[in-house]
Amino acid sequence: YIHQRGEKLPQFLLPNDVDCPWDSRAQFLAASSSSEMKQLR
């Protein structure tokens, strides 16, 4: 929806049906300060 409205997505979210790149909660929390997480936030 956001892409359809013309908003640019972060590169790692393309294509916009991509799966979550973090496989577990532990990985997700460990990546809290990563470049991808900052872009996402």
ModelCIF file with pLDDT and N, C-alpha, C, O atoms, coordinates in Angstrom:
data_MODEL
#
_entry.id   MODEL 
#
_entity.id                         1 
_entity.type                       polymer 
_entity.pdbx_number_of_molecules   1 
#
_entity_poly.entity_id                      1 
_entity_poly.type                           'polypeptide(L)' 
_entity_poly.nstd_linkage                   no 
_entity_poly.nstd_monomer                   no 
_entity_poly.pdbx_seq_one_letter_code       YIHQRGEKLPQFLLPNDVDCPWDSRAQFLAASSSSEMKQLR 
_entity_poly.pdbx_seq_one_letter_code_can   YIHQRGEKLPQFLLPNDVDCPWDSRAQFLAASSSSEMKQLR 
_entity_poly.pdbx_strand_id                 A 
#
loop_
_entity_poly_seq.entity_id 
_entity_poly_seq.num 
_entity_poly_seq.mon_id 
_entity_poly_seq.hetero 
1 1  TYR n 
1 2  ILE n 
1 3  HIS n 
1 4  GLN n 
1 5  ARG n 
1 6  GLY n 
1 7  GLU n 
1 8  LYS n 
1 9  LEU n 
1 10 PRO n 
1 11 GLN n 
1 12 PHE n 
1 13 LEU n 
1 14 LEU n 
1 15 PRO n 
1 16 ASN n 
1 17 ASP n 
1 18 VAL n 
1 19 ASP n 
1 20 CYS n 
1 21 PRO n 
1 22 TRP n 
1 23 ASP n 
1 24 SER n 
1 25 ARG n 
1 26 ALA n 
1 27 GLN n 
1 28 PHE n 
1 29 LEU n 
1 30 ALA n 
1 31 ALA n 
1 32 SER n 
1 33 SER n 
1 34 SER n 
1 35 SER n 
1 36 GLU n 
1 37 MET n 
1 38 LYS n 
1 39 GLN n 
1 40 LEU n 
1 41 ARG n 
#
_struct_asym.id          A 
_struct_asym.entity_id   1 
#
loop_
_ma_qa_metric.id 
_ma_qa_metric.mode 
_ma_qa_metric.name 
_ma_qa_metric.software_group_id 
_ma_qa_metric.type 
1 global pLDDT . pLDDT 
2 local  pLDDT . pLDDT 
#
_ma_qa_metric_global.metric_id      1 
_ma_qa_metric_global.metric_value   94.54 
_ma_qa_metric_global.model_id       1 
_ma_qa_metric_global.ordinal_id     1 
#
loop_
_ma_qa_metric_local.label_asym_id 
_ma_qa_metric_local.label_comp_id 
_ma_qa_metric_local.label_seq_id 
_ma_qa_metric_local.metric_id 
_ma_qa_metric_local.metric_value 
_ma_qa_metric_local.model_id 
_ma_qa_metric_local.ordinal_id 
A TYR 1  2 95.00 1 1  
A ILE 2  2 96.00 1 2  
A HIS 3  2 95.00 1 3  
A GLN 4  2 93.00 1 4  
A ARG 5  2 94.00 1 5  
A GLY 6  2 94.00 1 6  
A GLU 7  2 95.00 1 7  
A LYS 8  2 94.00 1 8  
A LEU 9  2 95.00 1 9  
A PRO 10 2 94.00 1 10 
A GLN 11 2 93.00 1 11 
A PHE 12 2 93.00 1 12 
A LEU 13 2 93.00 1 13 
A LEU 14 2 90.00 1 14 
A PRO 15 2 86.00 1 15 
A ASN 16 2 83.00 1 16 
A ASP 17 2 85.00 1 17 
A VAL 18 2 89.00 1 18 
A ASP 19 2 95.00 1 19 
A CYS 20 2 96.00 1 20 
A PRO 21 2 95.00 1 21 
A TRP 22 2 97.00 1 22 
A ASP 23 2 95.00 1 23 
A SER 24 2 96.00 1 24 
A ARG 25 2 97.00 1 25 
A ALA 26 2 97.00 1 26 
A GLN 27 2 97.00 1 27 
A PHE 28 2 98.00 1 28 
A LEU 29 2 97.00 1 29 
A ALA 30 2 98.00 1 30 
A ALA 31 2 97.00 1 31 
A SER 32 2 96.00 1 32 
A SER 33 2 96.00 1 33 
A SER 34 2 97.00 1 34 
A SER 35 2 96.00 1 35 
A GLU 36 2 96.00 1 36 
A MET 37 2 97.00 1 37 
A LYS 38 2 96.00 1 38 
A GLN 39 2 96.00 1 39 
A LEU 40 2 97.00 1 40 
A ARG 41 2 97.00 1 41 
#
loop_
_atom_site.group_PDB 
_atom_site.id 
_atom_site.type_symbol 
_atom_site.label_atom_id 
_atom_site.label_alt_id 
_atom_site.label_comp_id 
_atom_site.label_asym_id 
_atom_site.label_entity_id 
_atom_site.label_seq_id 
_atom_site.pdbx_PDB_ins_code 
_atom_site.Cartn_x 
_atom_site.Cartn_y 
_atom_site.Cartn_z 
_atom_site.occupancy 
_atom_site.B_iso_or_equiv 
_atom_site.pdbx_formal_charge 
_atom_site.auth_seq_id 
_atom_site.auth_comp_id 
_atom_site.auth_asym_id 
_atom_site.auth_atom_id 
_atom_site.pdbx_PDB_model_num 
ATOM 1   N N  . TYR A 1 1  ? 0.828  -1.204  0.000  1.00 95.00 ? 1  TYR A N  1 
ATOM 2   C CA . TYR A 1 1  ? 0.000  0.000   0.000  1.00 95.00 ? 1  TYR A CA 1 
ATOM 3   C C  . TYR A 1 1  ? 0.866  1.260   0.000  1.00 95.00 ? 1  TYR A C  1 
ATOM 4   O O  . TYR A 1 1  ? 0.640  2.177   -0.789 1.00 95.00 ? 1  TYR A O  1 
ATOM 5   N N  . ILE A 1 2  ? 1.855  1.296   0.888  1.00 96.00 ? 2  ILE A N  1 
ATOM 6   C CA . ILE A 1 2  ? 2.709  2.480   0.985  1.00 96.00 ? 2  ILE A CA 1 
ATOM 7   C C  . ILE A 1 2  ? 3.465  2.699   -0.328 1.00 96.00 ? 2  ILE A C  1 
ATOM 8   O O  . ILE A 1 2  ? 3.599  3.833   -0.787 1.00 96.00 ? 2  ILE A O  1 
ATOM 9   N N  . HIS A 1 3  ? 3.955  1.618   -0.928 1.00 95.00 ? 3  HIS A N  1 
ATOM 10  C CA . HIS A 1 3  ? 4.647  1.719   -2.216 1.00 95.00 ? 3  HIS A CA 1 
ATOM 11  C C  . HIS A 1 3  ? 3.696  2.220   -3.298 1.00 95.00 ? 3  HIS A C  1 
ATOM 12  O O  . HIS A 1 3  ? 4.078  3.029   -4.144 1.00 95.00 ? 3  HIS A O  1 
ATOM 13  N N  . GLN A 1 4  ? 2.455  1.735   -3.268 1.00 93.00 ? 4  GLN A N  1 
ATOM 14  C CA . GLN A 1 4  ? 1.448  2.154   -4.244 1.00 93.00 ? 4  GLN A CA 1 
ATOM 15  C C  . GLN A 1 4  ? 1.125  3.636   -4.109 1.00 93.00 ? 4  GLN A C  1 
ATOM 16  O O  . GLN A 1 4  ? 0.772  4.289   -5.091 1.00 93.00 ? 4  GLN A O  1 
ATOM 17  N N  . ARG A 1 5  ? 1.242  4.161   -2.913 1.00 94.00 ? 5  ARG A N  1 
ATOM 18  C CA . ARG A 1 5  ? 0.990  5.590   -2.695 1.00 94.00 ? 5  ARG A CA 1 
ATOM 19  C C  . ARG A 1 5  ? 2.191  6.461   -3.072 1.00 94.00 ? 5  ARG A C  1 
ATOM 20  O O  . ARG A 1 5  ? 2.150  7.680   -2.905 1.00 94.00 ? 5  ARG A O  1 
ATOM 21  N N  . GLY A 1 6  ? 3.261  5.835   -3.581 1.00 94.00 ? 6  GLY A N  1 
ATOM 22  C CA . GLY A 1 6  ? 4.389  6.595   -4.090 1.00 94.00 ? 6  GLY A CA 1 
ATOM 23  C C  . GLY A 1 6  ? 5.519  6.824   -3.111 1.00 94.00 ? 6  GLY A C  1 
ATOM 24  O O  . GLY A 1 6  ? 6.465  7.551   -3.415 1.00 94.00 ? 6  GLY A O  1 
ATOM 25  N N  . GLU A 1 7  ? 5.435  6.213   -1.935 1.00 95.00 ? 7  GLU A N  1 
ATOM 26  C CA . GLU A 1 7  ? 6.504  6.370   -0.941 1.00 95.00 ? 7  GLU A CA 1 
ATOM 27  C C  . GLU A 1 7  ? 7.652  5.417   -1.262 1.00 95.00 ? 7  GLU A C  1 
ATOM 28  O O  . GLU A 1 7  ? 7.430  4.253   -1.594 1.00 95.00 ? 7  GLU A O  1 
ATOM 29  N N  . LYS A 1 8  ? 8.873  5.920   -1.161 1.00 94.00 ? 8  LYS A N  1 
ATOM 30  C CA . LYS A 1 8  ? 10.051 5.103   -1.441 1.00 94.00 ? 8  LYS A CA 1 
ATOM 31  C C  . LYS A 1 8  ? 10.312 4.165   -0.274 1.00 94.00 ? 8  LYS A C  1 
ATOM 32  O O  . LYS A 1 8  ? 10.348 4.598   0.877  1.00 94.00 ? 8  LYS A O  1 
ATOM 33  N N  . LEU A 1 9  ? 10.493 2.885   -0.564 1.00 95.00 ? 9  LEU A N  1 
ATOM 34  C CA . LEU A 1 9  ? 10.792 1.899   0.464  1.00 95.00 ? 9  LEU A CA 1 
ATOM 35  C C  . LEU A 1 9  ? 12.300 1.763   0.641  1.00 95.00 ? 9  LEU A C  1 
ATOM 36  O O  . LEU A 1 9  ? 13.048 1.918   -0.325 1.00 95.00 ? 9  LEU A O  1 
ATOM 37  N N  . PRO A 1 10 ? 12.764 1.474   1.872  1.00 94.00 ? 10 PRO A N  1 
ATOM 38  C CA . PRO A 1 10 ? 14.180 1.129   2.041  1.00 94.00 ? 10 PRO A CA 1 
ATOM 39  C C  . PRO A 1 10 ? 14.552 -0.036  1.128  1.00 94.00 ? 10 PRO A C  1 
ATOM 40  O O  . PRO A 1 10 ? 13.741 -0.931  0.889  1.00 94.00 ? 10 PRO A O  1 
ATOM 41  N N  . GLN A 1 11 ? 15.772 -0.020  0.625  1.00 93.00 ? 11 GLN A N  1 
ATOM 42  C CA . GLN A 1 11 ? 16.179 -0.995  -0.374 1.00 93.00 ? 11 GLN A CA 1 
ATOM 43  C C  . GLN A 1 11 ? 15.988 -2.432  0.102  1.00 93.00 ? 11 GLN A C  1 
ATOM 44  O O  . GLN A 1 11 ? 15.604 -3.293  -0.690 1.00 93.00 ? 11 GLN A O  1 
ATOM 45  N N  . PHE A 1 12 ? 16.247 -2.705  1.370  1.00 93.00 ? 12 PHE A N  1 
ATOM 46  C CA . PHE A 1 12 ? 16.155 -4.089  1.833  1.00 93.00 ? 12 PHE A CA 1 
ATOM 47  C C  . PHE A 1 12 ? 14.709 -4.569  1.957  1.00 93.00 ? 12 PHE A C  1 
ATOM 48  O O  . PHE A 1 12 ? 14.471 -5.752  2.199  1.00 93.00 ? 12 PHE A O  1 
ATOM 49  N N  . LEU A 1 13 ? 13.739 -3.662  1.794  1.00 93.00 ? 13 LEU A N  1 
ATOM 50  C CA . LEU A 1 13 ? 12.328 -4.046  1.814  1.00 93.00 ? 13 LEU A CA 1 
ATOM 51  C C  . LEU A 1 13 ? 11.782 -4.305  0.408  1.00 93.00 ? 13 LEU A C  1 
ATOM 52  O O  . LEU A 1 13 ? 10.591 -4.572  0.250  1.00 93.00 ? 13 LEU A O  1 
ATOM 53  N N  . LEU A 1 14 ? 12.628 -4.229  -0.600 1.00 90.00 ? 14 LEU A N  1 
ATOM 54  C CA . LEU A 1 14 ? 12.209 -4.515  -1.976 1.00 90.00 ? 14 LEU A CA 1 
ATOM 55  C C  . LEU A 1 14 ? 12.622 -5.933  -2.355 1.00 90.00 ? 14 LEU A C  1 
ATOM 56  O O  . LEU A 1 14 ? 13.752 -6.320  -2.056 1.00 90.00 ? 14 LEU A O  1 
ATOM 57  N N  . PRO A 1 15 ? 11.767 -6.728  -2.996 1.00 86.00 ? 15 PRO A N  1 
ATOM 58  C CA . PRO A 1 15 ? 10.363 -6.445  -3.310 1.00 86.00 ? 15 PRO A CA 1 
ATOM 59  C C  . PRO A 1 15 ? 9.530  -6.334  -2.040 1.00 86.00 ? 15 PRO A C  1 
ATOM 60  O O  . PRO A 1 15 ? 9.938  -6.807  -0.979 1.00 86.00 ? 15 PRO A O  1 
ATOM 61  N N  . ASN A 1 16 ? 8.363  -5.708  -2.153 1.00 83.00 ? 16 ASN A N  1 
ATOM 62  C CA . ASN A 1 16 ? 7.616  -5.404  -0.931 1.00 83.00 ? 16 ASN A CA 1 
ATOM 63  C C  . ASN A 1 16 ? 6.827  -6.581  -0.366 1.00 83.00 ? 16 ASN A C  1 
ATOM 64  O O  . ASN A 1 16 ? 6.031  -6.398  0.555  1.00 83.00 ? 16 ASN A O  1 
ATOM 65  N N  . ASP A 1 17 ? 7.030  -7.773  -0.894 1.00 85.00 ? 17 ASP A N  1 
ATOM 66  C CA . ASP A 1 17 ? 6.483  -8.977  -0.267 1.00 85.00 ? 17 ASP A CA 1 
ATOM 67  C C  . ASP A 1 17 ? 7.597  -9.805  0.369  1.00 85.00 ? 17 ASP A C  1 
ATOM 68  O O  . ASP A 1 17 ? 7.440  -11.004 0.595  1.00 85.00 ? 17 ASP A O  1 
ATOM 69  N N  . VAL A 1 18 ? 8.733  -9.147  0.657  1.00 89.00 ? 18 VAL A N  1 
ATOM 70  C CA . VAL A 1 18 ? 9.889  -9.832  1.214  1.00 89.00 ? 18 VAL A CA 1 
ATOM 71  C C  . VAL A 1 18 ? 9.567  -10.381 2.607  1.00 89.00 ? 18 VAL A C  1 
ATOM 72  O O  . VAL A 1 18 ? 8.778  -9.797  3.350  1.00 89.00 ? 18 VAL A O  1 
ATOM 73  N N  . ASP A 1 19 ? 10.190 -11.510 2.946  1.00 95.00 ? 19 ASP A N  1 
ATOM 74  C CA . ASP A 1 19 ? 10.031 -12.072 4.290  1.00 95.00 ? 19 ASP A CA 1 
ATOM 75  C C  . ASP A 1 19 ? 10.882 -11.283 5.284  1.00 95.00 ? 19 ASP A C  1 
ATOM 76  O O  . ASP A 1 19 ? 11.839 -10.606 4.907  1.00 95.00 ? 19 ASP A O  1 
ATOM 77  N N  . CYS A 1 20 ? 10.520 -11.383 6.540  1.00 96.00 ? 20 CYS A N  1 
ATOM 78  C CA . CYS A 1 20 ? 11.298 -10.747 7.600  1.00 96.00 ? 20 CYS A CA 1 
ATOM 79  C C  . CYS A 1 20 ? 12.729 -11.300 7.567  1.00 96.00 ? 20 CYS A C  1 
ATOM 80  O O  . CYS A 1 20 ? 12.903 -12.518 7.611  1.00 96.00 ? 20 CYS A O  1 
ATOM 81  N N  . PRO A 1 21 ? 13.749 -10.451 7.493  1.00 95.00 ? 21 PRO A N  1 
ATOM 82  C CA . PRO A 1 21 ? 15.123 -10.936 7.367  1.00 95.00 ? 21 PRO A CA 1 
ATOM 83  C C  . PRO A 1 21 ? 15.711 -11.489 8.662  1.00 95.00 ? 21 PRO A C  1 
ATOM 84  O O  . PRO A 1 21 ? 16.765 -12.124 8.639  1.00 95.00 ? 21 PRO A O  1 
ATOM 85  N N  . TRP A 1 22 ? 15.044 -11.255 9.787  1.00 97.00 ? 22 TRP A N  1 
ATOM 86  C CA . TRP A 1 22 ? 15.519 -11.784 11.063 1.00 97.00 ? 22 TRP A CA 1 
ATOM 87  C C  . TRP A 1 22 ? 14.723 -13.038 11.400 1.00 97.00 ? 22 TRP A C  1 
ATOM 88  O O  . TRP A 1 22 ? 13.492 -13.013 11.422 1.00 97.00 ? 22 TRP A O  1 
ATOM 89  N N  . ASP A 1 23 ? 15.416 -14.114 11.658 1.00 95.00 ? 23 ASP A N  1 
ATOM 90  C CA . ASP A 1 23 ? 14.790 -15.425 11.771 1.00 95.00 ? 23 ASP A CA 1 
ATOM 91  C C  . ASP A 1 23 ? 14.183 -15.705 13.134 1.00 95.00 ? 23 ASP A C  1 
ATOM 92  O O  . ASP A 1 23 ? 13.375 -16.623 13.269 1.00 95.00 ? 23 ASP A O  1 
ATOM 93  N N  . SER A 1 24 ? 14.553 -14.936 14.142 1.00 96.00 ? 24 SER A N  1 
ATOM 94  C CA . SER A 1 24 ? 14.076 -15.190 15.498 1.00 96.00 ? 24 SER A CA 1 
ATOM 95  C C  . SER A 1 24 ? 14.065 -13.883 16.283 1.00 96.00 ? 24 SER A C  1 
ATOM 96  O O  . SER A 1 24 ? 14.633 -12.878 15.857 1.00 96.00 ? 24 SER A O  1 
ATOM 97  N N  . ARG A 1 25 ? 13.409 -13.919 17.433 1.00 97.00 ? 25 ARG A N  1 
ATOM 98  C CA . ARG A 1 25 ? 13.391 -12.744 18.304 1.00 97.00 ? 25 ARG A CA 1 
ATOM 99  C C  . ARG A 1 25 ? 14.805 -12.383 18.751 1.00 97.00 ? 25 ARG A C  1 
ATOM 100 O O  . ARG A 1 25 ? 15.155 -11.206 18.829 1.00 97.00 ? 25 ARG A O  1 
ATOM 101 N N  . ALA A 1 26 ? 15.617 -13.401 19.043 1.00 97.00 ? 26 ALA A N  1 
ATOM 102 C CA . ALA A 1 26 ? 16.992 -13.137 19.477 1.00 97.00 ? 26 ALA A CA 1 
ATOM 103 C C  . ALA A 1 26 ? 17.770 -12.390 18.400 1.00 97.00 ? 26 ALA A C  1 
ATOM 104 O O  . ALA A 1 26 ? 18.486 -11.437 18.705 1.00 97.00 ? 26 ALA A O  1 
ATOM 105 N N  . GLN A 1 27 ? 17.638 -12.813 17.138 1.00 97.00 ? 27 GLN A N  1 
ATOM 106 C CA . GLN A 1 27 ? 18.314 -12.124 16.034 1.00 97.00 ? 27 GLN A CA 1 
ATOM 107 C C  . GLN A 1 27 ? 17.794 -10.697 15.886 1.00 97.00 ? 27 GLN A C  1 
ATOM 108 O O  . GLN A 1 27 ? 18.561 -9.759  15.667 1.00 97.00 ? 27 GLN A O  1 
ATOM 109 N N  . PHE A 1 28 ? 16.486 -10.554 16.008 1.00 98.00 ? 28 PHE A N  1 
ATOM 110 C CA . PHE A 1 28 ? 15.841 -9.246  15.858 1.00 98.00 ? 28 PHE A CA 1 
ATOM 111 C C  . PHE A 1 28 ? 16.366 -8.275  16.918 1.00 98.00 ? 28 PHE A C  1 
ATOM 112 O O  . PHE A 1 28 ? 16.727 -7.142  16.598 1.00 98.00 ? 28 PHE A O  1 
ATOM 113 N N  . LEU A 1 29 ? 16.409 -8.713  18.171 1.00 97.00 ? 29 LEU A N  1 
ATOM 114 C CA . LEU A 1 29 ? 16.887 -7.849  19.248 1.00 97.00 ? 29 LEU A CA 1 
ATOM 115 C C  . LEU A 1 29 ? 18.374 -7.536  19.091 1.00 97.00 ? 29 LEU A C  1 
ATOM 116 O O  . LEU A 1 29 ? 18.814 -6.421  19.370 1.00 97.00 ? 29 LEU A O  1 
ATOM 117 N N  . ALA A 1 30 ? 19.139 -8.524  18.645 1.00 98.00 ? 30 ALA A N  1 
ATOM 118 C CA . ALA A 1 30 ? 20.573 -8.306  18.446 1.00 98.00 ? 30 ALA A CA 1 
ATOM 119 C C  . ALA A 1 30 ? 20.839 -7.274  17.355 1.00 98.00 ? 30 ALA A C  1 
ATOM 120 O O  . ALA A 1 30 ? 21.884 -6.624  17.355 1.00 98.00 ? 30 ALA A O  1 
ATOM 121 N N  . ALA A 1 31 ? 19.898 -7.122  16.425 1.00 97.00 ? 31 ALA A N  1 
ATOM 122 C CA . ALA A 1 31 ? 20.052 -6.192  15.299 1.00 97.00 ? 31 ALA A CA 1 
ATOM 123 C C  . ALA A 1 31 ? 19.427 -4.831  15.575 1.00 97.00 ? 31 ALA A C  1 
ATOM 124 O O  . ALA A 1 31 ? 19.261 -4.035  14.650 1.00 97.00 ? 31 ALA A O  1 
ATOM 125 N N  . SER A 1 32 ? 19.076 -4.548  16.828 1.00 96.00 ? 32 SER A N  1 
ATOM 126 C CA . SER A 1 32 ? 18.314 -3.336  17.138 1.00 96.00 ? 32 SER A CA 1 
ATOM 127 C C  . SER A 1 32 ? 19.031 -2.044  16.737 1.00 96.00 ? 32 SER A C  1 
ATOM 128 O O  . SER A 1 32 ? 18.383 -1.026  16.492 1.00 96.00 ? 32 SER A O  1 
ATOM 129 N N  . SER A 1 33 ? 20.371 -2.080  16.667 1.00 96.00 ? 33 SER A N  1 
ATOM 130 C CA . SER A 1 33 ? 21.131 -0.886  16.281 1.00 96.00 ? 33 SER A CA 1 
ATOM 131 C C  . SER A 1 33 ? 21.731 -1.002  14.886 1.00 96.00 ? 33 SER A C  1 
ATOM 132 O O  . SER A 1 33 ? 22.570 -0.188  14.501 1.00 96.00 ? 33 SER A O  1 
ATOM 133 N N  . SER A 1 34 ? 21.306 -2.008  14.129 1.00 97.00 ? 34 SER A N  1 
ATOM 134 C CA . SER A 1 34 ? 21.854 -2.215  12.789 1.00 97.00 ? 34 SER A CA 1 
ATOM 135 C C  . SER A 1 34 ? 21.337 -1.161  11.817 1.00 97.00 ? 34 SER A C  1 
ATOM 136 O O  . SER A 1 34 ? 20.341 -0.486  12.079 1.00 97.00 ? 34 SER A O  1 
ATOM 137 N N  . SER A 1 35 ? 22.030 -1.034  10.695 1.00 96.00 ? 35 SER A N  1 
ATOM 138 C CA . SER A 1 35 ? 21.623 -0.083  9.663  1.00 96.00 ? 35 SER A CA 1 
ATOM 139 C C  . SER A 1 35 ? 20.217 -0.378  9.159  1.00 96.00 ? 35 SER A C  1 
ATOM 140 O O  . SER A 1 35 ? 19.416 0.538   8.975  1.00 96.00 ? 35 SER A O  1 
ATOM 141 N N  . GLU A 1 36 ? 19.910 -1.674  8.933  1.00 96.00 ? 36 GLU A N  1 
ATOM 142 C CA . GLU A 1 36 ? 18.584 -2.049  8.418  1.00 96.00 ? 36 GLU A CA 1 
ATOM 143 C C  . GLU A 1 36 ? 17.484 -1.686  9.417  1.00 96.00 ? 36 GLU A C  1 
ATOM 144 O O  . GLU A 1 36 ? 16.428 -1.185  9.031  1.00 96.00 ? 36 GLU A O  1 
ATOM 145 N N  . MET A 1 37 ? 17.740 -1.942  10.700 1.00 97.00 ? 37 MET A N  1 
ATOM 146 C CA . MET A 1 37 ? 16.713 -1.642  11.699 1.00 97.00 ? 37 MET A CA 1 
ATOM 147 C C  . MET A 1 37 ? 16.489 -0.139  11.821 1.00 97.00 ? 37 MET A C  1 
ATOM 148 O O  . MET A 1 37 ? 15.354 0.307   11.987 1.00 97.00 ? 37 MET A O  1 
ATOM 149 N N  . LYS A 1 38 ? 17.561 0.644   11.742 1.00 96.00 ? 38 LYS A N  1 
ATOM 150 C CA . LYS A 1 38 ? 17.410 2.096   11.794 1.00 96.00 ? 38 LYS A CA 1 
ATOM 151 C C  . LYS A 1 38 ? 16.626 2.601   10.587 1.00 96.00 ? 38 LYS A C  1 
ATOM 152 O O  . LYS A 1 38 ? 15.772 3.478   10.717 1.00 96.00 ? 38 LYS A O  1 
ATOM 153 N N  . GLN A 1 39 ? 16.921 2.042   9.405  1.00 96.00 ? 39 GLN A N  1 
ATOM 154 C CA . GLN A 1 39 ? 16.160 2.416   8.209  1.00 96.00 ? 39 GLN A CA 1 
ATOM 155 C C  . GLN A 1 39 ? 14.686 2.070   8.380  1.00 96.00 ? 39 GLN A C  1 
ATOM 156 O O  . GLN A 1 39 ? 13.808 2.859   8.032  1.00 96.00 ? 39 GLN A O  1 
ATOM 157 N N  . LEU A 1 40 ? 14.427 0.891   8.915  1.00 97.00 ? 40 LEU A N  1 
ATOM 158 C CA . LEU A 1 40 ? 13.057 0.438   9.101  1.00 97.00 ? 40 LEU A CA 1 
ATOM 159 C C  . LEU A 1 40 ? 12.314 1.342   10.070 1.00 97.00 ? 40 LEU A C  1 
ATOM 160 O O  . LEU A 1 40 ? 11.172 1.730   9.824  1.00 97.00 ? 40 LEU A O  1 
ATOM 161 N N  . ARG A 1 41 ? 12.973 1.676   11.179 1.00 97.00 ? 41 ARG A N  1 
ATOM 162 C CA . ARG A 1 41 ? 12.329 2.528   12.186 1.00 97.00 ? 41 ARG A CA 1 
ATOM 163 C C  . ARG A 1 41 ? 12.061 3.919   11.634 1.00 97.00 ? 41 ARG A C  1 
ATOM 164 O O  . ARG A 1 41 ? 11.524 4.771   12.343 1.00 97.00 ? 41 ARG A O  1 
#
